[in-house]
Amino acid sequence: MRLKAYTLLILIVLVVIGSAFSDEDLSLWLKHMTKTFSGYDKSETLTDFPALIVLEETDAGVGFYYTDFLSLPYDDLRFATEDKETQLDFEVESWNINGKSYVWVRIPELTQDTKIHAFRGKAGVVVPDVSSLVWEDSYKCVWHLNGNTDDSTVNENHATSCYATPVSGLMGNAYDFVPANSAYIDTPSNVK
């Protein structure tokens, strides 16, 4: 009987903690900035679109500073829809406080007028485990090739680098496949 009572107590605590975490009040975050997608000029609405957000320190507009983060390195980073309440799933591909950071955000509906908000500046919080939710179920695998060949989807279809050399690319780290006849990425058999 005692074991059942302890188990029930643990479950109740986990439910309360989980519920409180999912209902974060983003108005308590000290900093936020609005992101628009003015570069998207098509009339079609893109659904559940993973958009790449590049963060770097700047004084332009609202200003962005890595020192605004109070739960290091980026545990207080959050994204929300235009209502500033509905949180969005995101994946930090790479984080560089001395340069550019690359974050993928799943946008429910992307149009020319879509606005989202990036929040930071809240102590004592941890980053939610939502990175694999950025990529909807139709993505069999996503490899950023930014120094590793890990799959970012829930499918965990990790690949293996074979003689490919890590280098700096256009958007962060990348792989060099020279010589082309021997450098490659070996993918799991279920994605071929």
Protein backbone atom coordinates (compact mmCIF):
# COMPACT_ATOMS: atom_id res chain seq x y z
CA MET A 1 0.00 0.00 0.00
CA ARG A 2 2.84 2.37 0.86
CA LEU A 3 4.46 1.82 -2.57
CA LYS A 4 1.19 2.72 -4.33
CA ALA A 5 0.89 5.91 -2.28
CA TYR A 6 4.46 6.97 -3.14
CA THR A 7 3.91 6.14 -6.80
CA LEU A 8 0.70 8.19 -6.84
CA LEU A 9 2.44 11.12 -5.15
CA ILE A 10 5.28 11.05 -7.68
CA LEU A 11 2.81 10.97 -10.58
CA ILE A 12 0.88 13.92 -9.16
CA VAL A 13 4.07 15.95 -8.73
CA LEU A 14 5.16 15.15 -12.29
CA VAL A 15 1.77 16.16 -13.70
CA VAL A 16 1.79 19.45 -11.77
CA ILE A 17 5.36 20.27 -12.79
CA GLY A 18 4.70 19.29 -16.43
CA SER A 19 1.51 21.35 -16.57
CA ALA A 20 3.16 24.41 -15.06
CA PHE A 21 6.03 24.14 -17.52
CA SER A 22 3.75 23.93 -20.55
CA ASP A 23 1.79 26.98 -19.35
CA GLU A 24 4.71 29.38 -19.13
CA ASP A 25 3.67 33.03 -18.97
CA LEU A 26 5.90 34.61 -21.60
CA SER A 27 4.99 38.11 -20.38
CA LEU A 28 7.42 37.40 -17.51
CA TRP A 29 10.38 37.21 -19.92
CA LEU A 30 12.39 40.45 -19.89
CA LYS A 31 13.20 40.67 -23.62
CA HIS A 32 11.42 39.84 -26.82
CA MET A 33 11.73 40.68 -30.48
CA THR A 34 9.39 40.32 -33.41
CA LYS A 35 10.43 38.34 -36.47
CA THR A 36 8.68 38.83 -39.80
CA PHE A 37 9.10 36.77 -42.94
CA SER A 38 9.06 39.52 -45.54
CA GLY A 39 11.33 37.47 -47.81
CA TYR A 40 8.52 35.00 -48.45
CA ASP A 41 6.65 36.52 -51.39
CA LYS A 42 4.39 33.66 -52.51
CA SER A 43 0.59 33.61 -52.13
CA GLU A 44 0.56 30.01 -50.88
CA THR A 45 0.32 29.44 -47.11
CA LEU A 46 3.00 27.02 -45.93
CA THR A 47 1.81 24.71 -43.15
CA ASP A 48 4.04 23.52 -40.28
CA PHE A 49 7.03 25.05 -42.00
CA PRO A 50 10.47 24.77 -40.33
CA ALA A 51 11.95 28.27 -40.70
CA LEU A 52 15.60 29.02 -40.01
CA ILE A 53 16.13 31.93 -37.63
CA VAL A 54 19.67 33.34 -37.49
CA LEU A 55 20.54 35.20 -34.30
CA GLU A 56 23.52 37.49 -33.90
CA GLU A 57 24.26 40.53 -31.80
CA THR A 58 23.12 43.78 -33.39
CA ASP A 59 22.04 47.26 -32.39
CA ALA A 60 19.67 47.47 -35.37
CA GLY A 61 15.97 47.42 -34.58
CA VAL A 62 15.24 46.03 -31.12
CA GLY A 63 18.82 44.87 -30.58
CA PHE A 64 19.85 41.35 -29.70
CA TYR A 65 22.52 40.48 -27.16
CA TYR A 66 23.61 37.09 -25.87
CA THR A 67 23.99 38.71 -22.44
CA ASP A 68 20.17 39.05 -22.33
CA PHE A 69 19.95 35.32 -21.60
CA LEU A 70 19.57 34.66 -17.88
CA SER A 71 19.43 30.85 -18.01
CA LEU A 72 22.58 29.94 -19.89
CA PRO A 73 23.38 29.05 -22.53
CA TYR A 74 19.90 29.50 -24.07
CA ASP A 75 17.52 27.77 -21.66
CA ASP A 76 15.25 30.83 -21.56
CA LEU A 77 14.88 31.03 -25.35
CA ARG A 78 11.25 30.69 -26.42
CA PHE A 79 9.31 31.38 -29.60
CA ALA A 80 5.61 32.19 -29.85
CA THR A 81 3.04 33.05 -32.48
CA GLU A 82 1.81 36.60 -33.00
CA ASP A 83 -0.46 36.32 -29.93
CA LYS A 84 2.71 36.07 -27.78
CA GLU A 85 1.18 33.11 -25.93
CA THR A 86 1.14 30.07 -28.21
CA GLN A 87 4.63 28.62 -27.94
CA LEU A 88 6.36 27.20 -31.00
CA ASP A 89 8.60 24.15 -31.21
CA PHE A 90 12.23 24.97 -31.99
CA GLU A 91 15.59 23.31 -32.43
CA VAL A 92 18.89 25.03 -31.72
CA GLU A 93 21.13 23.72 -34.49
CA SER A 94 24.18 25.62 -33.27
CA TRP A 95 24.84 28.30 -30.65
CA ASN A 96 27.75 30.72 -30.90
CA ILE A 97 27.86 33.65 -28.47
CA ASN A 98 30.70 35.14 -30.52
CA GLY A 99 28.89 34.99 -33.85
CA LYS A 100 25.74 33.61 -35.44
CA SER A 101 23.39 31.07 -33.87
CA TYR A 102 21.05 28.96 -35.99
CA VAL A 103 17.61 28.01 -34.68
CA TRP A 104 14.86 26.15 -36.57
CA VAL A 105 11.30 27.13 -35.61
CA ARG A 106 8.17 25.28 -36.71
CA ILE A 107 5.73 27.90 -38.01
CA PRO A 108 2.10 26.66 -38.03
CA GLU A 109 1.14 28.87 -41.00
CA LEU A 110 3.72 30.88 -42.89
CA THR A 111 2.49 33.70 -45.12
CA GLN A 112 3.91 37.05 -46.25
CA ASP A 113 2.37 38.63 -43.13
CA THR A 114 3.38 36.05 -40.51
CA LYS A 115 4.97 37.40 -37.35
CA ILE A 116 6.48 35.41 -34.52
CA HIS A 117 8.17 36.50 -31.30
CA ALA A 118 11.47 35.39 -29.79
CA PHE A 119 11.71 35.68 -25.99
CA ARG A 120 14.71 35.66 -23.68
CA GLY A 121 15.62 36.99 -20.26
CA LYS A 122 14.08 34.68 -17.63
CA ALA A 123 16.19 33.14 -14.88
CA GLY A 124 15.64 29.67 -13.48
CA VAL A 125 14.03 27.99 -16.49
CA VAL A 126 15.19 25.11 -18.67
CA VAL A 127 14.87 24.72 -22.41
CA PRO A 128 11.85 22.58 -23.32
CA ASP A 129 12.56 19.27 -25.04
CA VAL A 130 10.79 20.12 -28.31
CA SER A 131 13.65 20.06 -30.81
CA SER A 132 12.55 16.85 -32.56
CA LEU A 133 9.01 18.27 -32.91
CA VAL A 134 10.15 20.92 -35.39
CA TRP A 135 10.10 18.36 -38.16
CA GLU A 136 6.64 16.94 -38.90
CA ASP A 137 6.07 13.21 -39.33
CA SER A 138 6.52 13.31 -43.12
CA TYR A 139 10.24 14.06 -42.62
CA LYS A 140 11.96 10.69 -42.54
CA CYS A 141 15.25 12.30 -41.48
CA VAL A 142 16.94 15.70 -41.24
CA TRP A 143 20.72 15.95 -41.14
CA HIS A 144 22.11 19.45 -40.67
CA LEU A 145 25.67 18.17 -41.25
CA ASN A 146 26.98 20.82 -38.88
CA GLY A 147 29.76 18.74 -37.43
CA ASN A 148 27.70 15.63 -36.86
CA THR A 149 25.31 13.39 -38.76
CA ASP A 150 22.59 13.12 -36.13
CA ASP A 151 18.98 13.00 -37.29
CA SER A 152 16.89 15.88 -35.89
CA THR A 153 13.56 14.08 -36.28
CA VAL A 154 11.88 11.76 -33.79
CA ASN A 155 12.88 8.87 -36.08
CA GLU A 156 16.53 8.97 -34.95
CA ASN A 157 17.83 7.92 -38.38
CA HIS A 158 21.40 8.93 -37.57
CA ALA A 159 23.96 8.64 -40.35
CA THR A 160 27.73 8.15 -40.31
CA SER A 161 30.33 10.41 -41.88
CA CYS A 162 32.79 8.42 -44.00
CA TYR A 163 35.89 10.45 -44.88
CA ALA A 164 33.89 13.70 -45.08
CA THR A 165 35.80 16.53 -43.43
CA PRO A 166 34.12 19.12 -41.15
CA VAL A 167 34.58 22.65 -42.55
CA SER A 168 33.01 26.11 -42.26
CA GLY A 169 30.05 26.44 -44.61
CA LEU A 170 27.71 29.21 -45.77
CA MET A 171 25.45 28.72 -42.74
CA GLY A 172 27.73 27.51 -39.97
CA ASN A 173 29.57 24.20 -39.92
CA ALA A 174 29.39 21.82 -42.88
CA TYR A 175 31.13 18.83 -44.45
CA ASP A 176 33.57 18.75 -47.36
CA PHE A 177 33.04 15.73 -49.64
CA VAL A 178 36.41 15.92 -51.40
CA PRO A 179 37.55 13.62 -52.83
CA ALA A 180 34.09 13.01 -54.20
CA ASN A 181 34.77 9.39 -55.05
CA SER A 182 35.54 8.41 -51.43
CA ALA A 183 33.93 10.92 -49.02
CA TYR A 184 30.25 10.33 -48.25
CA ILE A 185 27.55 10.06 -45.59
CA ASP A 186 26.40 6.52 -44.87
CA THR A 187 22.66 6.61 -44.21
CA PRO A 188 20.57 3.99 -42.40
CA SER A 189 19.12 1.33 -44.70
CA ASN A 190 15.52 2.33 -43.87
CA VAL A 191 15.94 5.78 -45.48
CA LYS A 192 17.38 4.67 -48.81
